[in-house]
């Protein structure tokens, strides 16, 4: 009856008109019908009337109530009703707990969702696929991808077979972190899902002239991994069997439109189109009679791209690889803990620096601001010539900015010398300006070594011998390493 909520309400209206007296089953059906229509206010009215009538409330009643709250995004009300359910002496079942965990997830209440999950097991209620899907999605919303992975691992260890929905949730959770070791695990789970018959949506047209990959209705993580796997397979075919291994046309469907009952992901459509354009890939947007979003490439052009060195680099940028193939939850957790510590230390150092060494843009002279970009470009060139790390050069720029904040009237002709002196100070942090770095720097900058040393000494005096410089480049490098770019 309640699978068709509007029809259920129409039947109830007819029963009322014929003098039918409602019972608990009738009220349960009404709660379910209004809940599925998203009318929570009417749901609560029916429930209050049910209580006033003194009718029995069963697990079906409360499960329907909590489900209605979940659909309306009212997690607080769902928890209140759950407490009433327990006071009423009614034992929750798996459906009840699943709706409650989902409701908590929609409210980004990770801790409460975990508490409900633990209580569920304490009460002897066995979690199912829906339970784990709800819990993983909740943890993903809260940014707790490690706990989400632990939940997935626990689910599999209990013999609960993941379906496409669970795989979608956990793979997307890991992918969206942007963390290289989490994305490596996402790829591992994606391959596992493919072996079980999920996600691979490429197909050949009946004529054999066109091959297409359908990314419609996939989460971002699964879509990107599907695309990566497909392109990787294309390269393998070309390198192994030659250009003739590809059909005349190949297409990526990003929006199936009316050809699918499932809603598409606009973000995927835009991301794939932008990425292909940025890469200079042979895929072009085309008008299609069946789909709303299609990128199409000619077989020979795609084969030429797959053989290029740029292709391998671009594939690597889409999915950076780990130095090790090991990606157990324990190793992932350890790697993430180390990275978080490094990020925290880098940010802490920058914050402490900014709190005690303020840069004042208004104090910097106009001549300095006008020449600043060319000065930085010169320092980067000198740093490259000397083989310096990027963060050392950026620390030199920060020292240059500090000096400009307190010595606004620097003649434009001495600015290149001041910039070289700032780089020398950054290069020799914690020690005096030694002769060897000064000579190498002088050659790279086209200046006299002694002039650079003298200017660095004057800078020390102006900065009260405080040459601390910690640029945000250090934080950026830590994050890039965390994402797999070294």
Protein backbone atom coordinates (compact mmCIF):
# COMPACT_ATOMS: atom_id res chain seq x y z
CA UNK A 1 0.00 0.00 0.00
CA UNK A 2 2.66 2.50 1.00
CA UNK A 3 4.77 1.97 -2.09
CA UNK A 4 2.28 4.32 -3.73
CA UNK A 5 1.86 7.07 -1.10
CA UNK A 6 -0.64 9.24 -2.99
CA UNK A 7 -2.87 6.25 -3.73
CA UNK A 8 -2.63 5.22 -0.06
CA UNK A 9 -3.86 8.65 1.06
CA UNK A 10 -6.72 8.54 -1.45
CA UNK A 11 -7.80 5.12 -0.11
CA UNK A 12 -7.65 6.48 3.46
CA UNK A 13 -9.86 9.41 2.47
CA UNK A 14 -12.43 7.02 1.01
CA UNK A 15 -12.34 4.90 4.15
CA UNK A 16 -12.94 7.96 6.33
CA UNK A 17 -15.92 8.98 4.24
CA UNK A 18 -17.40 5.49 4.65
CA UNK A 19 -17.11 5.71 8.45
CA UNK A 20 -14.09 3.43 8.83
CA UNK A 21 -12.36 3.69 12.22
CA UNK A 22 -8.55 3.90 11.90
CA UNK A 23 -6.30 1.46 13.78
CA UNK A 24 -2.54 1.19 14.32
CA UNK A 25 -2.01 -0.34 10.87
CA UNK A 26 -3.85 2.57 9.27
CA UNK A 27 -1.78 5.15 11.15
CA UNK A 28 1.46 3.35 10.25
CA UNK A 29 0.46 3.44 6.59
CA UNK A 30 -0.32 7.16 6.83
CA UNK A 31 3.01 7.93 8.52
CA UNK A 32 4.84 5.99 5.82
CA UNK A 33 2.90 7.66 2.99
CA UNK A 34 3.38 11.23 4.26
CA UNK A 35 7.05 10.45 5.03
CA UNK A 36 7.72 9.30 1.47
CA UNK A 37 6.13 12.50 0.20
CA UNK A 38 8.45 14.57 2.42
CA UNK A 39 5.61 16.00 4.52
CA UNK A 40 7.16 15.68 7.98
CA UNK A 41 4.70 18.09 9.61
CA UNK A 42 1.79 15.87 8.55
CA UNK A 43 3.74 12.81 9.75
CA UNK A 44 4.12 14.29 13.23
CA UNK A 45 0.44 15.31 13.30
CA UNK A 46 -0.60 11.73 12.53
CA UNK A 47 1.79 10.44 15.20
CA UNK A 48 0.40 12.82 17.85
CA UNK A 49 -3.14 11.79 16.97
CA UNK A 50 -2.09 8.14 17.22
CA UNK A 51 -0.71 8.75 20.73
CA UNK A 52 -3.85 10.68 21.74
CA UNK A 53 -6.01 7.79 20.53
CA UNK A 54 -3.98 5.45 22.74
CA UNK A 55 -3.11 3.17 19.84
CA UNK A 56 -0.14 0.80 20.02
CA UNK A 57 3.11 2.08 18.50
CA UNK A 58 5.26 -0.69 17.07
CA UNK A 59 8.74 -0.89 15.58
CA UNK A 60 7.06 -0.22 12.22
CA UNK A 61 5.63 3.04 13.59
CA UNK A 62 8.92 4.35 14.92
CA UNK A 63 10.98 3.14 11.95
CA UNK A 64 8.62 5.00 9.61
CA UNK A 65 8.81 8.12 11.80
CA UNK A 66 12.61 8.11 11.89
CA UNK A 67 12.75 7.41 8.14
CA UNK A 68 10.51 10.45 7.55
CA UNK A 69 12.86 12.61 9.66
CA UNK A 70 15.81 11.28 7.69
CA UNK A 71 14.20 12.23 4.37
CA UNK A 72 13.38 15.70 5.74
CA UNK A 73 16.92 16.23 7.07
CA UNK A 74 15.74 16.52 10.71
CA UNK A 75 18.31 14.48 12.61
CA UNK A 76 17.50 16.08 15.97
CA UNK A 77 13.85 15.05 15.68
CA UNK A 78 14.93 11.56 14.61
CA UNK A 79 17.00 11.18 17.79
CA UNK A 80 14.14 12.46 19.94
CA UNK A 81 11.77 9.92 18.43
CA UNK A 82 14.35 7.19 18.93
CA UNK A 83 14.49 8.07 22.63
CA UNK A 84 10.67 7.99 22.81
CA UNK A 85 10.76 4.59 21.12
CA UNK A 86 13.05 3.23 23.83
CA UNK A 87 10.94 4.74 26.62
CA UNK A 88 7.94 3.11 24.99
CA UNK A 89 9.63 -0.28 25.41
CA UNK A 90 9.81 -0.82 21.66
CA UNK A 91 12.92 -2.65 20.40
CA UNK A 92 14.56 -1.08 17.32
CA UNK A 93 15.42 -3.26 14.32
CA UNK A 94 17.99 -2.92 11.55
CA UNK A 95 15.71 -0.66 9.48
CA UNK A 96 15.32 1.69 12.46
CA UNK A 97 19.05 1.95 13.06
CA UNK A 98 19.80 2.40 9.36
CA UNK A 99 17.42 5.36 9.09
CA UNK A 100 18.82 6.90 12.28
CA UNK A 101 22.44 6.60 11.10
CA UNK A 102 21.46 8.13 7.75
CA UNK A 103 19.67 10.99 9.52
CA UNK A 104 22.75 11.68 11.64
CA UNK A 105 24.85 11.64 8.50
CA UNK A 106 22.71 14.27 6.81
CA UNK A 107 23.29 16.46 9.83
CA UNK A 108 27.06 15.77 9.71
CA UNK A 109 26.83 14.17 13.16
CA UNK A 110 29.65 11.62 12.84
CA UNK A 111 30.04 10.89 16.53
CA UNK A 112 26.31 10.34 17.05
CA UNK A 113 26.17 8.06 14.02
CA UNK A 114 29.03 5.99 15.42
CA UNK A 115 27.32 5.83 18.82
CA UNK A 116 24.12 4.57 17.16
CA UNK A 117 26.14 2.00 15.20
CA UNK A 118 27.81 0.74 18.40
CA UNK A 119 24.48 0.64 20.25
CA UNK A 120 22.99 -1.32 17.37
CA UNK A 121 25.57 -4.07 17.82
CA UNK A 122 25.30 -4.00 21.61
CA UNK A 123 21.56 -4.68 21.22
CA UNK A 124 22.32 -7.73 19.10
CA UNK A 125 21.14 -6.14 15.84
CA UNK A 126 23.31 -7.22 12.91
CA UNK A 127 24.43 -4.45 10.52
CA UNK A 128 23.72 -5.02 6.83
CA UNK A 129 24.90 -3.43 3.57
CA UNK A 130 22.55 -0.48 4.07
CA UNK A 131 23.98 0.10 7.55
CA UNK A 132 27.56 0.24 6.34
CA UNK A 133 26.64 2.40 3.37
CA UNK A 134 24.98 4.92 5.69
CA UNK A 135 27.90 4.85 8.15
CA UNK A 136 30.56 5.22 5.44
CA UNK A 137 28.65 8.12 3.85
CA UNK A 138 28.31 9.79 7.25
CA UNK A 139 32.02 9.48 7.99
CA UNK A 140 32.80 10.82 4.52
CA UNK A 141 30.72 13.94 5.16
CA UNK A 142 32.62 14.46 8.38
CA UNK A 143 36.00 14.10 6.67
CA UNK A 144 36.75 10.88 8.59
CA UNK A 145 38.01 8.84 5.66
CA UNK A 146 40.23 6.61 7.81
CA UNK A 147 37.26 5.55 9.94
CA UNK A 148 35.24 5.05 6.76
CA UNK A 149 37.91 2.69 5.44
CA UNK A 150 38.00 0.84 8.76
CA UNK A 151 34.21 0.40 8.59
CA UNK A 152 34.45 -0.96 5.05
CA UNK A 153 37.20 -3.39 6.10
CA UNK A 154 35.11 -4.53 9.07
CA UNK A 155 32.12 -5.01 6.77
CA UNK A 156 34.08 -7.27 4.41
CA UNK A 157 35.63 -9.23 7.30
CA UNK A 158 32.13 -10.00 8.57
CA UNK A 159 31.26 -11.61 5.26
CA UNK A 160 28.98 -8.79 4.17
CA UNK A 161 29.43 -8.49 0.38
CA UNK A 162 29.69 -4.87 -0.81
CA UNK A 163 27.35 -3.81 -3.59
CA UNK A 164 27.83 -1.00 -6.13
CA UNK A 165 26.38 1.57 -3.70
CA UNK A 166 28.90 0.72 -0.97
CA UNK A 167 31.79 0.70 -3.43
CA UNK A 168 30.65 4.06 -4.79
CA UNK A 169 30.58 5.51 -1.28
CA UNK A 170 33.96 4.24 -0.02
CA UNK A 171 35.84 4.82 -3.29
CA UNK A 172 34.54 8.38 -3.55
CA UNK A 173 35.37 8.99 0.11
CA UNK A 174 38.99 7.96 -0.43
CA UNK A 175 39.31 9.73 -3.77
CA UNK A 176 38.01 13.07 -2.51
CA UNK A 177 40.77 13.26 0.12
CA UNK A 178 43.30 14.14 -2.57
CA UNK A 179 45.82 12.11 -0.53
CA UNK A 180 47.98 9.84 -2.67
CA UNK A 181 47.88 6.76 -0.42
CA UNK A 182 44.11 7.08 0.05
CA UNK A 183 43.63 7.37 -3.70
CA UNK A 184 45.86 4.32 -4.21
CA UNK A 185 43.52 2.39 -1.92
CA UNK A 186 40.55 3.77 -3.88
CA UNK A 187 42.07 2.35 -7.04
CA UNK A 188 42.60 -1.02 -5.35
CA UNK A 189 38.94 -1.12 -4.27
CA UNK A 190 37.84 0.01 -7.72
CA UNK A 191 39.68 -2.92 -9.32
CA UNK A 192 38.09 -5.23 -6.75
CA UNK A 193 34.64 -3.87 -7.64
CA UNK A 194 35.28 -4.31 -11.37
CA UNK A 195 36.19 -7.98 -10.83
CA UNK A 196 32.84 -8.37 -9.09
CA UNK A 197 31.02 -6.92 -12.09
CA UNK A 198 30.58 -3.28 -11.07
CA UNK A 199 31.35 0.04 -12.79
CA UNK A 200 32.94 -0.90 -16.14
CA UNK A 201 30.47 0.82 -18.44
CA UNK A 202 32.32 0.77 -21.77
CA UNK A 203 30.52 -0.87 -24.66
CA UNK A 204 30.89 -1.28 -28.42
CA UNK A 205 28.19 -0.19 -30.84
CA UNK A 206 26.45 -3.00 -32.80
CA UNK A 207 28.31 -1.91 -35.93
CA UNK A 208 31.67 -2.09 -34.14
CA UNK A 209 32.53 1.45 -35.26
CA UNK A 210 32.21 3.22 -31.92
CA UNK A 211 33.33 2.40 -28.38
CA UNK A 212 32.00 4.46 -25.48
CA UNK A 213 32.62 4.83 -21.77
CA UNK A 214 29.58 5.93 -19.78
CA UNK A 215 30.39 7.98 -16.66
CA UNK A 216 26.80 9.08 -16.07
CA UNK A 217 25.48 8.75 -12.48
CA UNK A 218 28.87 7.72 -11.06
CA UNK A 219 30.45 9.47 -8.09
CA UNK A 220 33.46 11.67 -8.85
CA UNK A 221 35.98 9.14 -7.56
CA UNK A 222 34.55 6.18 -9.46
CA UNK A 223 34.18 8.27 -12.63
CA UNK A 224 37.82 9.41 -12.56
CA UNK A 225 39.08 5.90 -11.87
CA UNK A 226 36.86 4.48 -14.64
CA UNK A 227 38.25 7.06 -17.05
CA UNK A 228 41.84 6.37 -15.96
CA UNK A 229 41.37 2.61 -16.31
CA UNK A 230 39.78 2.98 -19.77
CA UNK A 231 42.50 5.29 -21.08
CA UNK A 232 45.17 3.01 -19.63
CA UNK A 233 43.56 0.07 -21.45
CA UNK A 234 43.50 2.09 -24.70
CA UNK A 235 47.22 2.80 -24.41
CA UNK A 236 47.90 -0.89 -23.74
CA UNK A 237 45.93 -1.90 -26.85
CA UNK A 238 47.75 0.63 -29.03
CA UNK A 239 51.23 -0.29 -27.80
CA UNK A 240 50.55 -4.02 -27.97
CA UNK A 241 48.45 -4.41 -31.11
CA UNK A 242 48.88 -1.15 -33.01
CA UNK A 243 46.52 1.65 -34.05
CA UNK A 244 44.09 -0.76 -35.73
CA UNK A 245 43.17 -2.11 -32.26
CA UNK A 246 40.95 0.96 -31.77
CA UNK A 247 37.58 1.47 -33.50
CA UNK A 248 37.08 4.53 -35.76
CA UNK A 249 35.32 6.47 -32.97
CA UNK A 250 35.66 6.47 -29.18
CA UNK A 251 33.42 8.47 -26.85
CA UNK A 252 33.07 9.44 -23.20
CA UNK A 253 29.47 9.95 -22.06
CA UNK A 254 29.29 12.47 -19.21
CA UNK A 255 25.54 13.10 -19.24
CA UNK A 256 23.10 10.45 -20.46
CA UNK A 257 20.16 12.86 -20.25
CA UNK A 258 16.76 11.22 -20.76
CA UNK A 259 18.47 7.98 -21.75
CA UNK A 260 18.93 7.25 -18.04
CA UNK A 261 16.55 7.32 -15.09
CA UNK A 262 19.43 8.18 -12.77
CA UNK A 263 20.48 11.78 -12.20
CA UNK A 264 23.84 12.71 -13.66
CA UNK A 265 26.74 14.45 -11.94
CA UNK A 266 27.27 17.94 -13.38
CA UNK A 267 30.66 18.22 -11.67
CA UNK A 268 31.95 15.17 -13.55
CA UNK A 269 30.68 16.57 -16.84
CA UNK A 270 32.53 19.86 -16.35
CA UNK A 271 35.67 18.28 -14.84
CA UNK A 272 36.20 15.76 -17.64
CA UNK A 273 35.56 18.35 -20.35
CA UNK A 274 37.95 20.86 -18.75
CA UNK A 275 40.63 18.21 -18.15
CA UNK A 276 40.54 16.97 -21.77
CA UNK A 277 40.80 20.54 -23.04
CA UNK A 278 43.72 21.33 -20.70
CA UNK A 279 45.53 18.17 -21.75
CA UNK A 280 45.07 18.94 -25.44
CA UNK A 281 43.45 15.49 -25.80
CA UNK A 282 41.73 14.66 -29.12
CA UNK A 283 38.31 14.39 -27.45
CA UNK A 284 35.82 17.04 -28.59
CA UNK A 285 32.29 17.83 -27.45
CA UNK A 286 29.73 16.70 -30.03
CA UNK A 287 25.96 16.90 -30.47
CA UNK A 288 24.34 13.52 -29.90
CA UNK A 289 20.77 12.35 -30.50
CA UNK A 290 20.78 10.13 -27.41
CA UNK A 291 22.99 11.86 -24.81
CA UNK A 292 23.31 15.43 -23.51
CA UNK A 293 27.04 15.28 -22.79
CA UNK A 294 29.44 13.42 -25.09
CA UNK A 295 33.15 13.82 -25.84
CA UNK A 296 34.26 12.04 -28.99
CA UNK A 297 37.67 11.24 -30.53
CA UNK A 298 38.82 9.72 -33.82
CA UNK A 299 40.60 6.39 -33.38
CA UNK A 300 43.85 7.36 -35.21
CA UNK A 301 44.14 10.65 -33.30
CA UNK A 302 43.53 8.92 -29.96
CA UNK A 303 46.14 6.29 -30.81
CA UNK A 304 48.72 9.00 -31.56
CA UNK A 305 47.95 10.67 -28.22
CA UNK A 306 48.22 7.35 -26.35
CA UNK A 307 51.73 6.81 -27.79
CA UNK A 308 52.95 10.29 -26.78
CA UNK A 309 55.13 11.00 -23.75
CA UNK A 310 52.60 13.66 -22.73
CA UNK A 311 49.93 10.96 -22.31
CA UNK A 312 51.88 9.07 -19.65
CA UNK A 313 52.60 12.30 -17.75
CA UNK A 314 48.95 13.33 -17.91
CA UNK A 315 47.79 9.93 -16.66
CA UNK A 316 50.27 10.27 -13.82
CA UNK A 317 48.81 13.65 -12.88
CA UNK A 318 45.32 12.14 -12.76
CA UNK A 319 46.42 9.34 -10.45
CA UNK A 320 49.89 9.70 -8.84
CA UNK A 321 51.44 6.38 -7.87
CA UNK A 322 52.88 5.30 -4.55
CA UNK A 323 56.51 4.35 -4.12
CA UNK A 324 55.21 1.10 -2.61
CA UNK A 325 52.23 -1.00 -3.65
CA UNK A 326 51.38 -1.73 -0.03
CA UNK A 327 48.18 -0.03 1.05
CA UNK A 328 46.84 -1.86 4.09
CA UNK A 329 44.64 0.21 6.43
CA UNK A 330 47.45 0.16 9.02
CA UNK A 331 50.04 1.52 6.58
CA UNK A 332 47.59 4.08 5.25
CA UNK A 333 46.81 5.23 8.77
CA UNK A 334 50.50 5.50 9.65
CA UNK A 335 51.32 7.44 6.47
CA UNK A 336 48.43 9.84 7.03
CA UNK A 337 49.39 10.40 10.69
CA UNK A 338 52.95 11.27 9.61
CA UNK A 339 51.69 13.65 6.92
CA UNK A 340 49.27 15.34 9.32
CA UNK A 341 52.11 15.88 11.79
CA UNK A 342 54.30 17.40 9.08
CA UNK A 343 51.49 19.65 7.88
CA UNK A 344 50.72 20.73 11.43
CA UNK A 345 54.35 21.57 12.12
CA UNK A 346 54.69 23.52 8.87
CA UNK A 347 51.52 25.52 9.45
CA UNK A 348 52.40 26.09 13.09
CA UNK A 349 55.79 27.51 12.13
CA UNK A 350 54.23 29.83 9.55
CA UNK A 351 51.54 30.99 11.99
CA UNK A 352 54.12 31.74 14.69
CA UNK A 353 56.17 33.67 12.15
CA UNK A 354 53.19 35.70 10.92
CA UNK A 355 52.13 36.49 14.48
CA UNK A 356 55.52 38.08 15.28
CA UNK A 357 56.72 39.32 11.89
CA UNK A 358 53.98 41.28 10.22
CA UNK A 359 54.41 42.42 6.62
CA UNK A 360 52.93 45.86 5.98
CA UNK A 361 52.08 46.35 2.32
CA UNK A 362 51.34 50.05 2.82
CA UNK A 363 54.91 50.63 4.02
CA UNK A 364 56.50 49.10 0.93
CA UNK A 365 57.66 51.73 -1.53
CA UNK A 366 56.04 52.09 -4.94
CA UNK A 367 59.34 51.43 -6.71
CA UNK A 368 59.77 48.16 -4.82
CA UNK A 369 56.22 46.98 -5.56
CA UNK A 370 56.66 47.80 -9.24
CA UNK A 371 59.90 45.80 -9.45
CA UNK A 372 58.92 43.00 -7.08
CA UNK A 373 57.86 40.46 -9.72
CA UNK A 374 61.05 40.95 -11.76
CA UNK A 375 63.14 40.67 -8.58
CA UNK A 376 61.40 37.39 -7.67
CA UNK A 377 61.90 36.11 -11.20
CA UNK A 378 65.60 36.92 -10.91
CA UNK A 379 65.89 35.11 -7.57
CA UNK A 380 64.13 32.03 -8.95
CA UNK A 381 66.54 32.01 -11.88
CA UNK A 382 69.54 32.32 -9.57
CA UNK A 383 68.14 29.60 -7.33
CA UNK A 384 67.70 27.27 -10.29
CA UNK A 385 71.26 27.96 -11.47
CA UNK A 386 72.59 27.14 -7.99
CA UNK A 387 70.33 24.11 -7.53
CA UNK A 388 68.61 25.61 -4.48
CA UNK A 389 65.36 24.24 -3.10
CA UNK A 390 62.29 26.33 -3.92
CA UNK A 391 61.56 26.99 -0.26
CA UNK A 392 65.01 28.59 0.21
CA UNK A 393 64.32 31.05 -2.61
CA UNK A 394 60.86 31.83 -1.23
CA UNK A 395 62.36 32.40 2.22
CA UNK A 396 64.68 34.92 0.54
CA UNK A 397 61.67 36.67 -1.00
CA UNK A 398 60.05 36.81 2.43
CA UNK A 399 63.19 38.44 3.90
CA UNK A 400 63.11 40.93 1.04
CA UNK A 401 59.46 41.77 1.82
CA UNK A 402 60.30 42.17 5.52
CA UNK A 403 63.03 44.68 4.70
CA UNK A 404 60.74 46.58 2.31
CA UNK A 405 58.19 46.90 5.12
CA UNK A 406 60.65 48.84 7.30
CA UNK A 407 62.85 50.51 4.66
CA UNK A 408 60.36 51.88 2.18
CA UNK A 409 62.65 54.37 0.43
CA UNK A 410 65.08 51.97 -1.23
CA UNK A 411 66.50 53.32 -4.51
CA UNK A 412 65.42 51.18 -7.48
CA UNK A 413 69.03 50.69 -8.64
CA UNK A 414 70.03 48.89 -5.43
CA UNK A 415 67.01 46.56 -5.30
CA UNK A 416 68.69 43.71 -7.29
CA UNK A 417 71.59 43.84 -4.82
CA UNK A 418 69.20 43.81 -1.85
CA UNK A 419 67.36 40.83 -3.37
CA UNK A 420 70.63 38.91 -3.80
CA UNK A 421 71.58 39.72 -0.20
CA UNK A 422 68.20 38.45 1.01
CA UNK A 423 68.76 35.17 -0.84
CA UNK A 424 72.23 34.89 0.69
CA UNK A 425 70.75 35.30 4.18
CA UNK A 426 68.13 32.63 3.46
CA UNK A 427 70.84 30.35 2.10
CA UNK A 428 73.04 30.78 5.19
CA UNK A 429 70.36 30.83 7.91
CA UNK A 430 71.91 30.44 11.36
CA UNK A 431 75.41 31.38 10.22
CA UNK A 432 77.30 34.36 8.90
CA UNK A 433 77.41 35.05 5.17
CA UNK A 434 80.25 32.79 4.08
CA UNK A 435 82.44 33.50 1.07
CA UNK A 436 81.67 30.34 -0.97
CA UNK A 437 77.87 30.85 -1.33
CA UNK A 438 78.44 34.56 -1.94
CA UNK A 439 80.79 33.86 -4.85
CA UNK A 440 78.39 31.39 -6.47
CA UNK A 441 75.46 33.74 -5.93
CA UNK A 442 77.38 36.68 -7.34
CA UNK A 443 78.10 34.73 -10.51
CA UNK A 444 74.45 33.67 -10.86
CA UNK A 445 73.17 37.24 -10.29
CA UNK A 446 75.90 39.09 -12.17
CA UNK A 447 76.90 41.10 -9.09
CA UNK A 448 80.03 41.49 -6.98
CA UNK A 449 80.37 38.98 -4.15
CA UNK A 450 81.68 41.51 -1.62
CA UNK A 451 78.80 43.89 -2.39
CA UNK A 452 76.31 41.10 -1.67
CA UNK A 453 78.06 40.23 1.62
CA UNK A 454 78.14 43.88 2.70
CA UNK A 455 74.47 44.35 1.87
CA UNK A 456 73.52 41.19 3.77
CA UNK A 457 75.34 42.59 6.83
CA UNK A 458 73.38 45.87 6.52
CA UNK A 459 70.13 43.90 6.20
CA UNK A 460 70.93 42.07 9.43
CA UNK A 461 71.38 45.41 11.18
CA UNK A 462 68.07 46.76 9.84
CA UNK A 463 66.27 43.57 10.88
CA UNK A 464 67.88 43.64 14.35
CA UNK A 465 69.72 40.44 13.53
CA UNK A 466 66.36 38.64 13.22
CA UNK A 467 66.55 36.92 9.83
CA UNK A 468 63.77 34.39 10.46
CA UNK A 469 61.86 33.55 7.30
CA UNK A 470 59.38 30.71 6.89
CA UNK A 471 57.46 31.01 3.65
CA UNK A 472 54.16 29.26 2.97
CA UNK A 473 55.98 27.39 0.20
CA UNK A 474 56.99 24.91 2.90
CA UNK A 475 53.32 24.17 3.63
CA UNK A 476 52.57 23.87 -0.06
CA UNK A 477 55.38 21.37 -0.58
CA UNK A 478 54.16 19.21 2.30
CA UNK A 479 50.64 19.17 0.86
CA UNK A 480 51.90 18.39 -2.65
CA UNK A 481 53.90 15.48 -1.28
CA UNK A 482 50.80 14.32 0.55
CA UNK A 483 48.95 14.33 -2.79
CA UNK A 484 51.75 12.41 -4.51
CA UNK A 485 53.57 15.22 -6.32
CA UNK A 486 57.25 15.44 -5.45
